[in-house]
Amino acid sequence: MINEEKIYKPENDEDIRDFVHRVIAEQENREPLHIVEQLVEIALGEMKDRPYDVNIYVTEVRMKVTLHHKGRPIDSRMVWVMGDHTDRVDYHSDGTNDGWILTIRRDIPPLFVTKR
């Protein structure tokens, strides 16, 4: 089975919140993805008015939101909080003086263990 990745980019001046909501709404299995909206909201609060680019990558088994921003890094405690509420969060320098890349990944279905 080939698991093709679809790449989404915001339309014109689309607000990032609207963009993430739109992409999630287009997914067949959207219920486990709603937490991503909240995590993006946290990231935006940390980034304040810093310039950023956003892309969303979706396959049948995962959604990844990538925010590339300039300026001061996001507080590491907030990155830890975001990581505690989804399947994976990666945050690192893009190799320039002031560029950073935040990736939020949500698996479909989410990886979790239930009691029997």
PDB file of N, CA and C in Angstrom:
ATOM      1  N   MET A   1       0.844  -1.183   0.000  1.00  0.00           N
ATOM      2  CA  MET A   1       0.000   0.000   0.000  1.00  0.00           C
ATOM      3  C   MET A   1       0.890   1.249   0.000  1.00  0.00           C
ATOM      4  N   ILE A   2       0.666   2.116  -0.948  1.00  0.00           N
ATOM      5  CA  ILE A   2       1.406   3.372  -1.032  1.00  0.00           C
ATOM      6  C   ILE A   2       0.672   4.416  -0.208  1.00  0.00           C
ATOM      7  N   ASN A   3       1.416   5.073   0.662  1.00  0.00           N
ATOM      8  CA  ASN A   3       0.841   6.075   1.550  1.00  0.00           C
ATOM      9  C   ASN A   3       1.286   7.451   1.050  1.00  0.00           C
ATOM     10  N   GLU A   4       0.524   8.041   0.119  1.00  0.00           N
ATOM     11  CA  GLU A   4       0.910   9.301  -0.498  1.00  0.00           C
ATOM     12  C   GLU A   4       0.676  10.473   0.444  1.00  0.00           C
ATOM     13  N   GLU A   5       1.629  11.401   0.400  1.00  0.00           N
ATOM     14  CA  GLU A   5       1.555  12.594   1.234  1.00  0.00           C
ATOM     15  C   GLU A   5       0.972  13.744   0.421  1.00  0.00           C
ATOM     16  N   LYS A   6      -0.009  14.410   1.005  1.00  0.00           N
ATOM     17  CA  LYS A   6      -0.602  15.593   0.378  1.00  0.00           C
ATOM     18  C   LYS A   6      -0.098  16.812   1.140  1.00  0.00           C
ATOM     19  N   ILE A   7       0.338  17.824   0.403  1.00  0.00           N
ATOM     20  CA  ILE A   7       0.884  19.040   1.014  1.00  0.00           C
ATOM     21  C   ILE A   7      -0.127  20.166   0.861  1.00  0.00           C
ATOM     22  N   TYR A   8      -0.427  20.811   1.987  1.00  0.00           N
ATOM     23  CA  TYR A   8      -1.353  21.943   2.004  1.00  0.00           C
ATOM     24  C   TYR A   8      -0.574  23.212   2.338  1.00  0.00           C
ATOM     25  N   LYS A   9      -0.926  24.285   1.664  1.00  0.00           N
ATOM     26  CA  LYS A   9      -0.360  25.606   1.945  1.00  0.00           C
ATOM     27  C   LYS A   9      -1.522  26.579   2.089  1.00  0.00           C
ATOM     28  N   PRO A  10      -1.363  27.593   2.920  1.00  0.00           N
ATOM     29  CA  PRO A  10      -2.461  28.559   3.079  1.00  0.00           C
ATOM     30  C   PRO A  10      -2.786  29.250   1.753  1.00  0.00           C
ATOM     31  N   GLU A  11      -4.043  29.581   1.583  1.00  0.00           N
ATOM     32  CA  GLU A  11      -4.492  30.310   0.402  1.00  0.00           C
ATOM     33  C   GLU A  11      -4.340  31.807   0.653  1.00  0.00           C
ATOM     34  N   ASN A  12      -3.658  32.493  -0.254  1.00  0.00           N
ATOM     35  CA  ASN A  12      -3.456  33.944  -0.187  1.00  0.00           C
ATOM     36  C   ASN A  12      -3.155  34.408   1.234  1.00  0.00           C
ATOM     37  N   ASP A  13      -4.004  35.233   1.824  1.00  0.00           N
ATOM     38  CA  ASP A  13      -3.775  35.767   3.167  1.00  0.00           C
ATOM     39  C   ASP A  13      -4.584  35.006   4.217  1.00  0.00           C
ATOM     40  N   GLU A  14      -4.785  33.721   4.022  1.00  0.00           N
ATOM     41  CA  GLU A  14      -5.584  32.910   4.946  1.00  0.00           C
ATOM     42  C   GLU A  14      -4.942  32.882   6.333  1.00  0.00           C
ATOM     43  N   ASP A  15      -5.733  33.166   7.331  1.00  0.00           N
ATOM     44  CA  ASP A  15      -5.281  33.106   8.720  1.00  0.00           C
ATOM     45  C   ASP A  15      -4.870  31.671   9.043  1.00  0.00           C
ATOM     46  N   ILE A  16      -3.810  31.516   9.796  1.00  0.00           N
ATOM     47  CA  ILE A  16      -3.310  30.175  10.097  1.00  0.00           C
ATOM     48  C   ILE A  16      -4.357  29.331  10.829  1.00  0.00           C
ATOM     49  N   ARG A  17      -5.123  29.951  11.712  1.00  0.00           N
ATOM     50  CA  ARG A  17      -6.158  29.199  12.437  1.00  0.00           C
ATOM     51  C   ARG A  17      -7.210  28.653  11.468  1.00  0.00           C
ATOM     52  N   ASP A  18      -7.627  29.510  10.537  1.00  0.00           N
ATOM     53  CA  ASP A  18      -8.597  29.089   9.528  1.00  0.00           C
ATOM     54  C   ASP A  18      -8.005  28.016   8.619  1.00  0.00           C
ATOM     55  N   PHE A  19      -6.739  28.169   8.280  1.00  0.00           N
ATOM     56  CA  PHE A  19      -6.047  27.205   7.436  1.00  0.00           C
ATOM     57  C   PHE A  19      -6.018  25.819   8.087  1.00  0.00           C
ATOM     58  N   VAL A  20      -5.585  25.750   9.333  1.00  0.00           N
ATOM     59  CA  VAL A  20      -5.515  24.465  10.036  1.00  0.00           C
ATOM     60  C   VAL A  20      -6.912  23.862  10.165  1.00  0.00           C
ATOM     61  N   HIS A  21      -7.884  24.678  10.501  1.00  0.00           N
ATOM     62  CA  HIS A  21      -9.262  24.195  10.626  1.00  0.00           C
ATOM     63  C   HIS A  21      -9.767  23.639   9.293  1.00  0.00           C
ATOM     64  N   ARG A  22      -9.491  24.339   8.205  1.00  0.00           N
ATOM     65  CA  ARG A  22      -9.927  23.901   6.882  1.00  0.00           C
ATOM     66  C   ARG A  22      -9.308  22.553   6.502  1.00  0.00           C
ATOM     67  N   VAL A  23      -8.009  22.414   6.730  1.00  0.00           N
ATOM     68  CA  VAL A  23      -7.331  21.167   6.369  1.00  0.00           C
ATOM     69  C   VAL A  23      -7.867  20.006   7.203  1.00  0.00           C
ATOM     70  N   ILE A  24      -8.063  20.218   8.489  1.00  0.00           N
ATOM     71  CA  ILE A  24      -8.614  19.157   9.339  1.00  0.00           C
ATOM     72  C   ILE A  24     -10.017  18.784   8.871  1.00  0.00           C
ATOM     73  N   ALA A  25     -10.832  19.770   8.534  1.00  0.00           N
ATOM     74  CA  ALA A  25     -12.206  19.505   8.090  1.00  0.00           C
ATOM     75  C   ALA A  25     -12.240  18.671   6.807  1.00  0.00           C
ATOM     76  N   GLU A  26     -11.214  18.757   5.996  1.00  0.00           N
ATOM     77  CA  GLU A  26     -11.157  17.998   4.748  1.00  0.00           C
ATOM     78  C   GLU A  26     -10.767  16.532   4.953  1.00  0.00           C
ATOM     79  N   GLN A  27     -10.299  16.177   6.144  1.00  0.00           N
ATOM     80  CA  GLN A  27      -9.820  14.820   6.381  1.00  0.00           C
ATOM     81  C   GLN A  27     -10.968  13.898   6.764  1.00  0.00           C
ATOM     82  N   GLU A  28     -10.911  12.691   6.251  1.00  0.00           N
ATOM     83  CA  GLU A  28     -11.951  11.700   6.543  1.00  0.00           C
ATOM     84  C   GLU A  28     -11.963  11.331   8.025  1.00  0.00           C
ATOM     85  N   ASN A  29     -10.795  11.109   8.597  1.00  0.00           N
ATOM     86  CA  ASN A  29     -10.682  10.720  10.003  1.00  0.00           C
ATOM     87  C   ASN A  29     -10.192  11.928  10.801  1.00  0.00           C
ATOM     88  N   ARG A  30     -11.039  12.954  10.939  1.00  0.00           N
ATOM     89  CA  ARG A  30     -10.619  14.218  11.529  1.00  0.00           C
ATOM     90  C   ARG A  30     -10.679  14.285  13.047  1.00  0.00           C
ATOM     91  N   GLU A  31     -11.421  13.415  13.677  1.00  0.00           N
ATOM     92  CA  GLU A  31     -11.606  13.518  15.133  1.00  0.00           C
ATOM     93  C   GLU A  31     -10.284  13.561  15.916  1.00  0.00           C
ATOM     94  N   PRO A  32      -9.324  12.666  15.658  1.00  0.00           N
ATOM     95  CA  PRO A  32      -8.079  12.731  16.437  1.00  0.00           C
ATOM     96  C   PRO A  32      -7.196  13.927  16.081  1.00  0.00           C
ATOM     97  N   LEU A  33      -7.554  14.673  15.051  1.00  0.00           N
ATOM     98  CA  LEU A  33      -6.721  15.793  14.605  1.00  0.00           C
ATOM     99  C   LEU A  33      -7.062  17.120  15.271  1.00  0.00           C
ATOM    100  N   HIS A  34      -8.190  17.200  15.946  1.00  0.00           N
ATOM    101  CA  HIS A  34      -8.622  18.479  16.524  1.00  0.00           C
ATOM    102  C   HIS A  34      -7.639  19.043  17.550  1.00  0.00           C
ATOM    103  N   ILE A  35      -6.880  18.211  18.219  1.00  0.00           N
ATOM    104  CA  ILE A  35      -5.890  18.705  19.183  1.00  0.00           C
ATOM    105  C   ILE A  35      -4.840  19.565  18.487  1.00  0.00           C
ATOM    106  N   VAL A  36      -4.607  19.309  17.213  1.00  0.00           N
ATOM    107  CA  VAL A  36      -3.613  20.077  16.465  1.00  0.00           C
ATOM    108  C   VAL A  36      -3.990  21.555  16.432  1.00  0.00           C
ATOM    109  N   GLU A  37      -5.273  21.849  16.323  1.00  0.00           N
ATOM    110  CA  GLU A  37      -5.715  23.246  16.333  1.00  0.00           C
ATOM    111  C   GLU A  37      -5.295  23.937  17.627  1.00  0.00           C
ATOM    112  N   GLN A  38      -5.455  23.258  18.739  1.00  0.00           N
ATOM    113  CA  GLN A  38      -5.080  23.845  20.034  1.00  0.00           C
ATOM    114  C   GLN A  38      -3.571  24.023  20.148  1.00  0.00           C
ATOM    115  N   LEU A  39      -2.817  23.061  19.634  1.00  0.00           N
ATOM    116  CA  LEU A  39      -1.357  23.150  19.706  1.00  0.00           C
ATOM    117  C   LEU A  39      -0.820  24.267  18.819  1.00  0.00           C
ATOM    118  N   VAL A  40      -1.432  24.473  17.675  1.00  0.00           N
ATOM    119  CA  VAL A  40      -1.045  25.589  16.817  1.00  0.00           C
ATOM    120  C   VAL A  40      -1.361  26.906  17.516  1.00  0.00           C
ATOM    121  N   GLU A  41      -2.474  26.961  18.206  1.00  0.00           N
ATOM    122  CA  GLU A  41      -2.837  28.170  18.959  1.00  0.00           C
ATOM    123  C   GLU A  41      -1.766  28.479  20.026  1.00  0.00           C
ATOM    124  N   ILE A  42      -1.276  27.462  20.710  1.00  0.00           N
ATOM    125  CA  ILE A  42      -0.203  27.652  21.695  1.00  0.00           C
ATOM    126  C   ILE A  42       1.047  28.187  21.007  1.00  0.00           C
ATOM    127  N   ALA A  43       1.417  27.587  19.875  1.00  0.00           N
ATOM    128  CA  ALA A  43       2.609  28.032  19.147  1.00  0.00           C
ATOM    129  C   ALA A  43       2.478  29.482  18.711  1.00  0.00           C
ATOM    130  N   LEU A  44       1.306  29.865  18.212  1.00  0.00           N
ATOM    131  CA  LEU A  44       1.099  31.246  17.781  1.00  0.00           C
ATOM    132  C   LEU A  44       1.221  32.215  18.942  1.00  0.00           C
ATOM    133  N   GLY A  45       0.713  31.812  20.100  1.00  0.00           N
ATOM    134  CA  GLY A  45       0.838  32.655  21.284  1.00  0.00           C
ATOM    135  C   GLY A  45       2.292  32.864  21.676  1.00  0.00           C
ATOM    136  N   GLU A  46       3.101  31.854  21.485  1.00  0.00           N
ATOM    137  CA  GLU A  46       4.526  31.951  21.799  1.00  0.00           C
ATOM    138  C   GLU A  46       5.290  32.763  20.754  1.00  0.00           C
ATOM    139  N   MET A  47       4.858  32.688  19.499  1.00  0.00           N
ATOM    140  CA  MET A  47       5.571  33.363  18.424  1.00  0.00           C
ATOM    141  C   MET A  47       5.253  34.853  18.353  1.00  0.00           C
ATOM    142  N   LYS A  48       4.183  35.263  18.980  1.00  0.00           N
ATOM    143  CA  LYS A  48       3.739  36.657  18.945  1.00  0.00           C
ATOM    144  C   LYS A  48       3.638  37.118  17.496  1.00  0.00           C
ATOM    145  N   ASP A  49       4.324  38.198  17.136  1.00  0.00           N
ATOM    146  CA  ASP A  49       4.222  38.765  15.787  1.00  0.00           C
ATOM    147  C   ASP A  49       5.419  38.424  14.910  1.00  0.00           C
ATOM    148  N   ARG A  50       6.124  37.349  15.231  1.00  0.00           N
ATOM    149  CA  ARG A  50       7.272  36.963  14.423  1.00  0.00           C
ATOM    150  C   ARG A  50       6.804  36.422  13.071  1.00  0.00           C
ATOM    151  N   PRO A  51       7.540  36.722  12.017  1.00  0.00           N
ATOM    152  CA  PRO A  51       7.144  36.201  10.692  1.00  0.00           C
ATOM    153  C   PRO A  51       7.289  34.677  10.651  1.00  0.00           C
ATOM    154  N   TYR A  52       6.380  34.015   9.937  1.00  0.00           N
ATOM    155  CA  TYR A  52       6.434  32.562   9.841  1.00  0.00           C
ATOM    156  C   TYR A  52       5.830  32.083   8.530  1.00  0.00           C
ATOM    157  N   ASP A  53       6.167  30.860   8.175  1.00  0.00           N
ATOM    158  CA  ASP A  53       5.562  30.134   7.064  1.00  0.00           C
ATOM    159  C   ASP A  53       4.993  28.864   7.653  1.00  0.00           C
ATOM    160  N   VAL A  54       3.921  28.364   7.059  1.00  0.00           N
ATOM    161  CA  VAL A  54       3.309  27.131   7.564  1.00  0.00           C
ATOM    162  C   VAL A  54       2.965  26.221   6.395  1.00  0.00           C
ATOM    163  N   ASN A  55       3.170  24.937   6.602  1.00  0.00           N
ATOM    164  CA  ASN A  55       2.760  23.897   5.666  1.00  0.00           C
ATOM    165  C   ASN A  55       2.158  22.770   6.477  1.00  0.00           C
ATOM    166  N   ILE A  56       1.237  22.046   5.862  1.00  0.00           N
ATOM    167  CA  ILE A  56       0.663  20.864   6.504  1.00  0.00           C
ATOM    168  C   ILE A  56       0.830  19.702   5.538  1.00  0.00           C
ATOM    169  N   TYR A  57       1.314  18.602   6.066  1.00  0.00           N
ATOM    170  CA  TYR A  57       1.534  17.383   5.292  1.00  0.00           C
ATOM    171  C   TYR A  57       0.616  16.311   5.864  1.00  0.00           C
ATOM    172  N   VAL A  58      -0.181  15.663   4.990  1.00  0.00           N
ATOM    173  CA  VAL A  58      -1.145  14.676   5.458  1.00  0.00           C
ATOM    174  C   VAL A  58      -1.006  13.394   4.640  1.00  0.00           C
ATOM    175  N   THR A  59      -0.998  12.270   5.359  1.00  0.00           N
ATOM    176  CA  THR A  59      -1.098  10.957   4.734  1.00  0.00           C
ATOM    177  C   THR A  59      -2.281  10.265   5.395  1.00  0.00           C
ATOM    178  N   GLU A  60      -2.525   9.020   5.012  1.00  0.00           N
ATOM    179  CA  GLU A  60      -3.608   8.264   5.648  1.00  0.00           C
ATOM    180  C   GLU A  60      -3.351   8.028   7.125  1.00  0.00           C
ATOM    181  N   VAL A  61      -2.086   8.045   7.537  1.00  0.00           N
ATOM    182  CA  VAL A  61      -1.744   7.666   8.909  1.00  0.00           C
ATOM    183  C   VAL A  61      -1.179   8.803   9.758  1.00  0.00           C
ATOM    184  N   ARG A  62      -1.045  10.008   9.181  1.00  0.00           N
ATOM    185  CA  ARG A  62      -0.436  11.078   9.984  1.00  0.00           C
ATOM    186  C   ARG A  62      -0.695  12.450   9.388  1.00  0.00           C
ATOM    187  N   MET A  63      -0.657  13.441  10.278  1.00  0.00           N
ATOM    188  CA  MET A  63      -0.725  14.847   9.885  1.00  0.00           C
ATOM    189  C   MET A  63       0.450  15.550  10.548  1.00  0.00           C
ATOM    190  N   LYS A  64       1.195  16.343   9.764  1.00  0.00           N
ATOM    191  CA  LYS A  64       2.312  17.117  10.289  1.00  0.00           C
ATOM    192  C   LYS A  64       2.100  18.579   9.940  1.00  0.00           C
ATOM    193  N   VAL A  65       2.162  19.432  10.948  1.00  0.00           N
ATOM    194  CA  VAL A  65       2.110  20.873  10.742  1.00  0.00           C
ATOM    195  C   VAL A  65       3.524  21.390  10.983  1.00  0.00           C
ATOM    196  N   THR A  66       4.058  22.101  10.002  1.00  0.00           N
ATOM    197  CA  THR A  66       5.402  22.649  10.132  1.00  0.00           C
ATOM    198  C   THR A  66       5.335  24.168  10.089  1.00  0.00           C
ATOM    199  N   LEU A  67       5.821  24.779  11.166  1.00  0.00           N
ATOM    200  CA  LEU A  67       5.896  26.242  11.271  1.00  0.00           C
ATOM    201  C   LEU A  67       7.367  26.630  11.239  1.00  0.00           C
ATOM    202  N   HIS A  68       7.737  27.453  10.289  1.00  0.00           N
ATOM    203  CA  HIS A  68       9.105  27.947  10.186  1.00  0.00           C
ATOM    204  C   HIS A  68       9.053  29.428  10.531  1.00  0.00           C
ATOM    205  N   HIS A  69       9.749  29.819  11.596  1.00  0.00           N
ATOM    206  CA  HIS A  69       9.666  31.223  12.002  1.00  0.00           C
ATOM    207  C   HIS A  69      11.040  31.813  12.254  1.00  0.00           C
ATOM    208  N   LYS A  70      11.075  33.115  12.279  1.00  0.00           N
ATOM    209  CA  LYS A  70      12.292  33.878  12.561  1.00  0.00           C
ATOM    210  C   LYS A  70      12.177  34.480  13.953  1.00  0.00           C
ATOM    211  N   GLY A  71      13.312  34.925  14.461  1.00  0.00           N
ATOM    212  CA  GLY A  71      13.317  35.629  15.743  1.00  0.00           C
ATOM    213  C   GLY A  71      13.623  34.721  16.911  1.00  0.00           C
ATOM    214  N   ARG A  72      13.276  35.196  18.066  1.00  0.00           N
ATOM    215  CA  ARG A  72      13.522  34.512  19.328  1.00  0.00           C
ATOM    216  C   ARG A  72      12.860  33.130  19.334  1.00  0.00           C
ATOM    217  N   PRO A  73      13.523  32.118  19.902  1.00  0.00           N
ATOM    218  CA  PRO A  73      12.907  30.779  19.949  1.00  0.00           C
ATOM    219  C   PRO A  73      11.716  30.731  20.904  1.00  0.00           C
ATOM    220  N   ILE A  74      10.846  29.767  20.652  1.00  0.00           N
ATOM    221  CA  ILE A  74       9.715  29.502  21.535  1.00  0.00           C
ATOM    222  C   ILE A  74      10.255  28.944  22.848  1.00  0.00           C
ATOM    223  N   ASP A  75       9.633  29.296  23.954  1.00  0.00           N
ATOM    224  CA  ASP A  75      10.025  28.797  25.269  1.00  0.00           C
ATOM    225  C   ASP A  75      10.001  27.266  25.258  1.00  0.00           C
ATOM    226  N   SER A  76      11.094  26.662  25.671  1.00  0.00           N
ATOM    227  CA  SER A  76      11.221  25.198  25.632  1.00  0.00           C
ATOM    228  C   SER A  76      10.167  24.504  26.490  1.00  0.00           C
ATOM    229  N   ARG A  77       9.699  25.167  27.538  1.00  0.00           N
ATOM    230  CA  ARG A  77       8.644  24.557  28.370  1.00  0.00           C
ATOM    231  C   ARG A  77       7.344  24.422  27.589  1.00  0.00           C
ATOM    232  N   MET A  78       7.049  25.391  26.711  1.00  0.00           N
ATOM    233  CA  MET A  78       5.834  25.319  25.900  1.00  0.00           C
ATOM    234  C   MET A  78       5.958  24.220  24.845  1.00  0.00           C
ATOM    235  N   VAL A  79       7.154  24.052  24.295  1.00  0.00           N
ATOM    236  CA  VAL A  79       7.378  22.973  23.337  1.00  0.00           C
ATOM    237  C   VAL A  79       7.161  21.634  24.042  1.00  0.00           C
ATOM    238  N   TRP A  80       7.633  21.517  25.279  1.00  0.00           N
ATOM    239  CA  TRP A  80       7.451  20.295  26.061  1.00  0.00           C
ATOM    240  C   TRP A  80       5.955  20.033  26.307  1.00  0.00           C
ATOM    241  N   VAL A  81       5.206  21.076  26.641  1.00  0.00           N
ATOM    242  CA  VAL A  81       3.758  20.940  26.860  1.00  0.00           C
ATOM    243  C   VAL A  81       3.075  20.471  25.573  1.00  0.00           C
ATOM    244  N   MET A  82       3.435  21.070  24.446  1.00  0.00           N
ATOM    245  CA  MET A  82       2.841  20.657  23.168  1.00  0.00           C
ATOM    246  C   MET A  82       3.161  19.188  22.896  1.00  0.00           C
ATOM    247  N   GLY A  83       4.390  18.785  23.148  1.00  0.00           N
ATOM    248  CA  GLY A  83       4.795  17.402  22.905  1.00  0.00           C
ATOM    249  C   GLY A  83       4.072  16.414  23.791  1.00  0.00           C
ATOM    250  N   ASP A  84       3.655  16.876  24.954  1.00  0.00           N
ATOM    251  CA  ASP A  84       2.949  16.012  25.898  1.00  0.00           C
ATOM    252  C   ASP A  84       1.508  15.750  25.465  1.00  0.00           C
ATOM    253  N   HIS A  85       1.018  16.490  24.469  1.00  0.00           N
ATOM    254  CA  HIS A  85      -0.387  16.381  24.058  1.00  0.00           C
ATOM    255  C   HIS A  85      -0.588  15.868  22.637  1.00  0.00           C
ATOM    256  N   THR A  86       0.468  15.381  22.032  1.00  0.00           N
ATOM    257  CA  THR A  86       0.347  14.807  20.687  1.00  0.00           C
ATOM    258  C   THR A  86       1.397  13.724  20.518  1.00  0.00           C
ATOM    259  N   ASP A  87       1.507  13.188  19.320  1.00  0.00           N
ATOM    260  CA  ASP A  87       2.390  12.053  19.104  1.00  0.00           C
ATOM    261  C   ASP A  87       3.860  12.432  18.996  1.00  0.00           C
ATOM    262  N   ARG A  88       4.139  13.604  18.458  1.00  0.00           N
ATOM    263  CA  ARG A  88       5.534  14.043  18.385  1.00  0.00           C
ATOM    264  C   ARG A  88       5.599  15.532  18.084  1.00  0.00           C
ATOM    265  N   VAL A  89       6.515  16.210  18.772  1.00  0.00           N
ATOM    266  CA  VAL A  89       6.817  17.607  18.483  1.00  0.00           C
ATOM    267  C   VAL A  89       8.334  17.708  18.358  1.00  0.00           C
ATOM    268  N   ASP A  90       8.785  18.343  17.294  1.00  0.00           N
ATOM    269  CA  ASP A  90      10.211  18.553  17.075  1.00  0.00           C
ATOM    270  C   ASP A  90      10.423  20.050  16.885  1.00  0.00           C
ATOM    271  N   TYR A  91      11.428  20.596  17.558  1.00  0.00           N
ATOM    272  CA  TYR A  91      11.710  22.021  17.454  1.00  0.00           C
ATOM    273  C   TYR A  91      13.216  22.201  17.412  1.00  0.00           C
ATOM    274  N   HIS A  92      13.688  22.839  16.354  1.00  0.00           N
ATOM    275  CA  HIS A  92      15.128  23.021  16.212  1.00  0.00           C
ATOM    276  C   HIS A  92      15.440  24.229  15.325  1.00  0.00           C
ATOM    277  N   SER A  93      16.697  24.650  15.378  1.00  0.00           N
ATOM    278  CA  SER A  93      17.162  25.749  14.543  1.00  0.00           C
ATOM    279  C   SER A  93      17.185  25.293  13.093  1.00  0.00           C
ATOM    280  N   ASP A  94      16.947  26.240  12.199  1.00  0.00           N
ATOM    281  CA  ASP A  94      17.035  25.905  10.772  1.00  0.00           C
ATOM    282  C   ASP A  94      18.448  26.086  10.237  1.00  0.00           C
ATOM    283  N   GLY A  95      19.395  26.374  11.129  1.00  0.00           N
ATOM    284  CA  GLY A  95      20.793  26.534  10.740  1.00  0.00           C
ATOM    285  C   GLY A  95      21.207  27.977  10.498  1.00  0.00           C
ATOM    286  N   THR A  96      20.231  28.895  10.568  1.00  0.00           N
ATOM    287  CA  THR A  96      20.558  30.309  10.430  1.00  0.00           C
ATOM    288  C   THR A  96      20.642  30.910  11.834  1.00  0.00           C
ATOM    289  N   ASN A  97      20.945  32.196  11.890  1.00  0.00           N
ATOM    290  CA  ASN A  97      21.066  32.870  13.189  1.00  0.00           C
ATOM    291  C   ASN A  97      19.759  32.934  13.959  1.00  0.00           C
ATOM    292  N   ASP A  98      18.651  33.134  13.251  1.00  0.00           N
ATOM    293  CA  ASP A  98      17.395  33.360  13.976  1.00  0.00           C
ATOM    294  C   ASP A  98      16.209  32.606  13.386  1.00  0.00           C
ATOM    295  N   GLY A  99      16.431  31.512  12.694  1.00  0.00           N
ATOM    296  CA  GLY A  99      15.341  30.739  12.119  1.00  0.00           C
ATOM    297  C   GLY A  99      15.096  29.454  12.897  1.00  0.00           C
ATOM    298  N   TRP A 100      13.812  29.106  13.055  1.00  0.00           N
ATOM    299  CA  TRP A 100      13.424  27.940  13.844  1.00  0.00           C
ATOM    300  C   TRP A 100      12.341  27.161  13.116  1.00  0.00           C
ATOM    301  N   ILE A 101      12.328  25.849  13.303  1.00  0.00           N
ATOM    302  CA  ILE A 101      11.314  25.000  12.690  1.00  0.00           C
ATOM    303  C   ILE A 101      10.620  24.191  13.781  1.00  0.00           C
ATOM    304  N   LEU A 102       9.305  24.323  13.842  1.00  0.00           N
ATOM    305  CA  LEU A 102       8.470  23.567  14.779  1.00  0.00           C
ATOM    306  C   LEU A 102       7.618  22.609  13.959  1.00  0.00           C
ATOM    307  N   THR A 103       7.693  21.331  14.288  1.00  0.00           N
ATOM    308  CA  THR A 103       6.868  20.330  13.619  1.00  0.00           C
ATOM    309  C   THR A 103       5.998  19.642  14.657  1.00  0.00           C
ATOM    310  N   ILE A 104       4.693  19.661  14.420  1.00  0.00           N
ATOM    311  CA  ILE A 104       3.717  18.999  15.287  1.00  0.00           C
ATOM    312  C   ILE A 104       3.135  17.842  14.489  1.00  0.00           C
ATOM    313  N   ARG A 105       3.272  16.618  15.020  1.00  0.00           N
ATOM    314  CA  ARG A 105       2.768  15.452  14.307  1.00  0.00           C
ATOM    315  C   ARG A 105       1.657  14.772  15.101  1.00  0.00           C
ATOM    316  N   ARG A 106       0.609  14.415  14.390  1.00  0.00           N
ATOM    317  CA  ARG A 106      -0.508  13.674  14.991  1.00  0.00           C
ATOM    318  C   ARG A 106      -0.750  12.436  14.142  1.00  0.00           C
ATOM    319  N   ASP A 107      -0.675  11.277  14.759  1.00  0.00           N
ATOM    320  CA  ASP A 107      -0.920  10.032  14.051  1.00  0.00           C
ATOM    321  C   ASP A 107      -2.411   9.754  13.966  1.00  0.00           C
ATOM    322  N   ILE A 108      -2.802   9.055  12.889  1.00  0.00           N
ATOM    323  CA  ILE A 108      -4.206   8.700  12.673  1.00  0.00           C
ATOM    324  C   ILE A 108      -4.269   7.197  12.537  1.00  0.00           C
ATOM    325  N   PRO A 109      -4.889   6.457  13.404  1.00  0.00           N
ATOM    326  CA  PRO A 109      -5.410   6.926  14.677  1.00  0.00           C
ATOM    327  C   PRO A 109      -4.266   7.223  15.632  1.00  0.00           C
ATOM    328  N   PRO A 110      -4.539   8.003  16.653  1.00  0.00           N
ATOM    329  CA  PRO A 110      -3.459   8.353  17.580  1.00  0.00           C
ATOM    330  C   PRO A 110      -2.933   7.115  18.281  1.00  0.00           C
ATOM    331  N   LEU A 111      -1.655   7.172  18.623  1.00  0.00           N
ATOM    332  CA  LEU A 111      -1.049   6.070  19.354  1.00  0.00           C
ATOM    333  C   LEU A 111      -1.382   6.215  20.830  1.00  0.00           C
ATOM    334  N   PHE A 112      -2.166   5.319  21.354  1.00  0.00           N
ATOM    335  CA  PHE A 112      -2.473   5.349  22.775  1.00  0.00           C
ATOM    336  C   PHE A 112      -2.811   3.936  23.233  1.00  0.00           C
ATOM    337  N   VAL A 113      -2.698   3.739  24.520  1.00  0.00           N
ATOM    338  CA  VAL A 113      -2.962   2.442  25.113  1.00  0.00           C
ATOM    339  C   VAL A 113      -4.215   2.562  25.973  1.00  0.00           C
ATOM    340  N   THR A 114      -5.090   1.576  25.872  1.00  0.00           N
ATOM    341  CA  THR A 114      -6.303   1.594  26.708  1.00  0.00           C
ATOM    342  C   THR A 114      -6.261   0.425  27.671  1.00  0.00           C
ATOM    343  N   LYS A 115      -6.900   0.590  28.814  1.00  0.00           N
ATOM    344  CA  LYS A 115      -7.019  -0.498  29.788  1.00  0.00           C
ATOM    345  C   LYS A 115      -8.135  -1.425  29.364  1.00  0.00           C
ATOM    346  N   ARG A 116      -7.966  -2.666  29.667  1.00  0.00           N
ATOM    347  CA  ARG A 116      -9.032  -3.631  29.387  1.00  0.00           C
ATOM    348  C   ARG A 116      -9.674  -4.066  30.673  1.00  0.00           C
TER     349      ARG A 116
END
